[in-house]
Structures are given as C-alpha cells and as structure tokens.
C-alpha atoms as a PDB file:
ATOM      1  CA  MET A   1      10.297  -3.573  -7.315  1.00  0.00           C
ATOM      2  CA  TRP A   2      11.930  -0.960  -5.131  1.00  0.00           C
ATOM      3  CA  TYR A   3       9.890   2.090  -4.101  1.00  0.00           C
ATOM      4  CA  ASP A   4      10.277   4.885  -1.593  1.00  0.00           C
ATOM      5  CA  PHE A   5       7.138   5.253   0.528  1.00  0.00           C
ATOM      6  CA  ARG A   6       6.012   8.654   1.782  1.00  0.00           C
ATOM      7  CA  TRP A   7       4.375   8.305   5.174  1.00  0.00           C
ATOM      8  CA  ILE A   8       2.673  11.204   6.934  1.00  0.00           C
ATOM      9  CA  ASP A   9       0.273  11.335   9.880  1.00  0.00           C
ATOM     10  CA  TRP A  10      -2.752  11.276   7.562  1.00  0.00           C
ATOM     11  CA  ASN A  11      -2.003   8.015   5.731  1.00  0.00           C
ATOM     12  CA  LEU A  12      -0.547   6.398   8.845  1.00  0.00           C
ATOM     13  CA  SER A  13      -3.833   6.976  10.670  1.00  0.00           C
ATOM     14  CA  LYS A  14      -5.805   5.605   7.700  1.00  0.00           C
ATOM     15  CA  ILE A  15      -3.958   2.275   7.658  1.00  0.00           C
ATOM     16  CA  GLU A  16      -3.815   2.060  11.452  1.00  0.00           C
ATOM     17  CA  SER A  17      -7.617   2.397  11.566  1.00  0.00           C
ATOM     18  CA  HIS A  18      -7.688  -0.916   9.659  1.00  0.00           C
ATOM     19  CA  ALA A  19      -4.926  -2.469  11.802  1.00  0.00           C
ATOM     20  CA  VAL A  20      -2.488  -2.585   8.869  1.00  0.00           C
ATOM     21  CA  SER A  21       1.188  -1.732   9.343  1.00  0.00           C
ATOM     22  CA  THR A  22       3.537   0.181   7.061  1.00  0.00           C
ATOM     23  CA  ASP A  23       5.638  -2.986   6.675  1.00  0.00           C
ATOM     24  CA  GLU A  24       2.593  -4.923   5.450  1.00  0.00           C
ATOM     25  CA  CYS A  25       1.727  -2.204   2.920  1.00  0.00           C
ATOM     26  CA  GLU A  26       5.250  -1.978   1.599  1.00  0.00           C
ATOM     27  CA  TRP A  27       5.582  -5.772   1.335  1.00  0.00           C
ATOM     28  CA  VAL A  28       2.373  -6.112  -0.724  1.00  0.00           C
ATOM     29  CA  VAL A  29       3.068  -3.146  -3.022  1.00  0.00           C
ATOM     30  CA  ARG A  30       6.606  -4.316  -3.766  1.00  0.00           C
ATOM     31  CA  ARG A  31       5.632  -7.917  -4.529  1.00  0.00           C
ATOM     32  CA  ASN A  32       2.358  -7.724  -6.458  1.00  0.00           C
ATOM     33  CA  VAL A  33       1.278  -6.475  -9.855  1.00  0.00           C
ATOM     34  CA  PRO A  34      -0.668  -3.224  -9.438  1.00  0.00           C
ATOM     35  CA  ARG A  35      -3.991  -2.451 -11.065  1.00  0.00           C
ATOM     36  CA  LEU A  36      -4.644   1.089 -12.249  1.00  0.00           C
ATOM     37  CA  SER A  37      -8.040   2.703 -11.682  1.00  0.00           C
ATOM     38  CA  GLY A  38      -8.029   6.348 -12.720  1.00  0.00           C
ATOM     39  CA  GLU A  39      -5.113   7.910 -10.858  1.00  0.00           C
ATOM     40  CA  LYS A  40      -5.075   5.291  -8.112  1.00  0.00           C
ATOM     41  CA  PHE A  41      -3.268   1.982  -8.031  1.00  0.00           C
ATOM     42  CA  THR A  42      -4.290  -1.067  -6.035  1.00  0.00           C
ATOM     43  CA  ALA A  43      -2.128  -3.974  -5.007  1.00  0.00           C
ATOM     44  CA  THR A  44      -3.694  -7.058  -3.474  1.00  0.00           C
ATOM     45  CA  GLY A  45      -1.687  -9.821  -1.913  1.00  0.00           C
ATOM     46  CA  ARG A  46      -0.441 -11.658   1.129  1.00  0.00           C
ATOM     47  CA  THR A  47       1.824 -10.151   3.738  1.00  0.00           C
ATOM     48  CA  LYS A  48       4.821 -12.022   5.159  1.00  0.00           C
ATOM     49  CA  SER A  49       2.522 -13.471   7.814  1.00  0.00           C
ATOM     50  CA  GLY A  50      -0.030 -14.616   5.210  1.00  0.00           C
ATOM     51  CA  ARG A  51      -2.649 -11.915   5.805  1.00  0.00           C
ATOM     52  CA  GLN A  52      -4.491 -10.924   2.599  1.00  0.00           C
ATOM     53  CA  ILE A  53      -4.709  -7.127   2.203  1.00  0.00           C
ATOM     54  CA  LYS A  54      -5.479  -4.541  -0.443  1.00  0.00           C
ATOM     55  CA  VAL A  55      -3.390  -1.365  -0.640  1.00  0.00           C
ATOM     56  CA  VAL A  56      -4.683   1.709  -2.477  1.00  0.00           C
ATOM     57  CA  TYR A  57      -2.004   4.213  -3.434  1.00  0.00           C
ATOM     58  CA  LEU A  58      -0.779   6.956  -5.750  1.00  0.00           C
ATOM     59  CA  LYS A  59       2.555   7.042  -7.522  1.00  0.00           C
ATOM     60  CA  GLU A  60       4.009  10.506  -6.982  1.00  0.00           C
ATOM     61  CA  ASP A  61       6.809   9.765  -9.441  1.00  0.00           C
ATOM     62  CA  SER A  62       8.534   6.669 -10.801  1.00  0.00           C
ATOM     63  CA  PHE A  63       9.919   5.695  -7.400  1.00  0.00           C
ATOM     64  CA  THR A  64       7.660   7.274  -4.762  1.00  0.00           C
ATOM     65  CA  VAL A  65       4.458   5.703  -3.458  1.00  0.00           C
ATOM     66  CA  PHE A  66       1.872   7.493  -1.312  1.00  0.00           C
ATOM     67  CA  VAL A  67      -0.476   4.998   0.329  1.00  0.00           C
ATOM     68  CA  ILE A  68      -4.067   6.222   0.653  1.00  0.00           C
ATOM     69  CA  THR A  69      -5.443   3.283   2.609  1.00  0.00           C
ATOM     70  CA  ALA A  70      -5.069  -0.451   3.173  1.00  0.00           C
ATOM     71  CA  PHE A  71      -7.440  -3.056   4.551  1.00  0.00           C
ATOM     72  CA  ASP A  72      -8.146  -6.787   4.786  1.00  0.00           C
ATOM     73  CA  PHE A  73      -9.326  -8.293   1.549  1.00  0.00           C
END
C-alpha cells in the first residue's frame, strides 16, 4: 500500500538509535499487514536486505504514517 511518511528530527533520532533507516521502515510498513494496539500500529517483517524489524507507528490520516520507533525483532 502507498503511504506518505512524515519524518521529523524526533522520529529520525528514535530509529537511528536502533540503527534502522527510513527506507527499511517504509519498506516494512508498505509490505506487511499491520496490527492495531490502541492507537498504535505495528508492522513486522523483513527489509529488502532480509533484516527482520518491527515498526511502531501512528496513522495521522488515511495516507500519512508517523513512525514512533523501529527496532530489530
């Protein structure tokens, strides 16, 4: 599915602290079925390089994703 991702210094530093890139986050969110937990979504899957990560995010609207964090899973 196509989404627009909103990246700001705060969420960039969160994923960078776990050595995850924006490309990896976007790849996993776009290609995996999300799970809803309260207001947060999680997507777990493999990146293009085969790394298994979990991405935690909010949907700001139907097409905009705001990643909270991402890490190896």
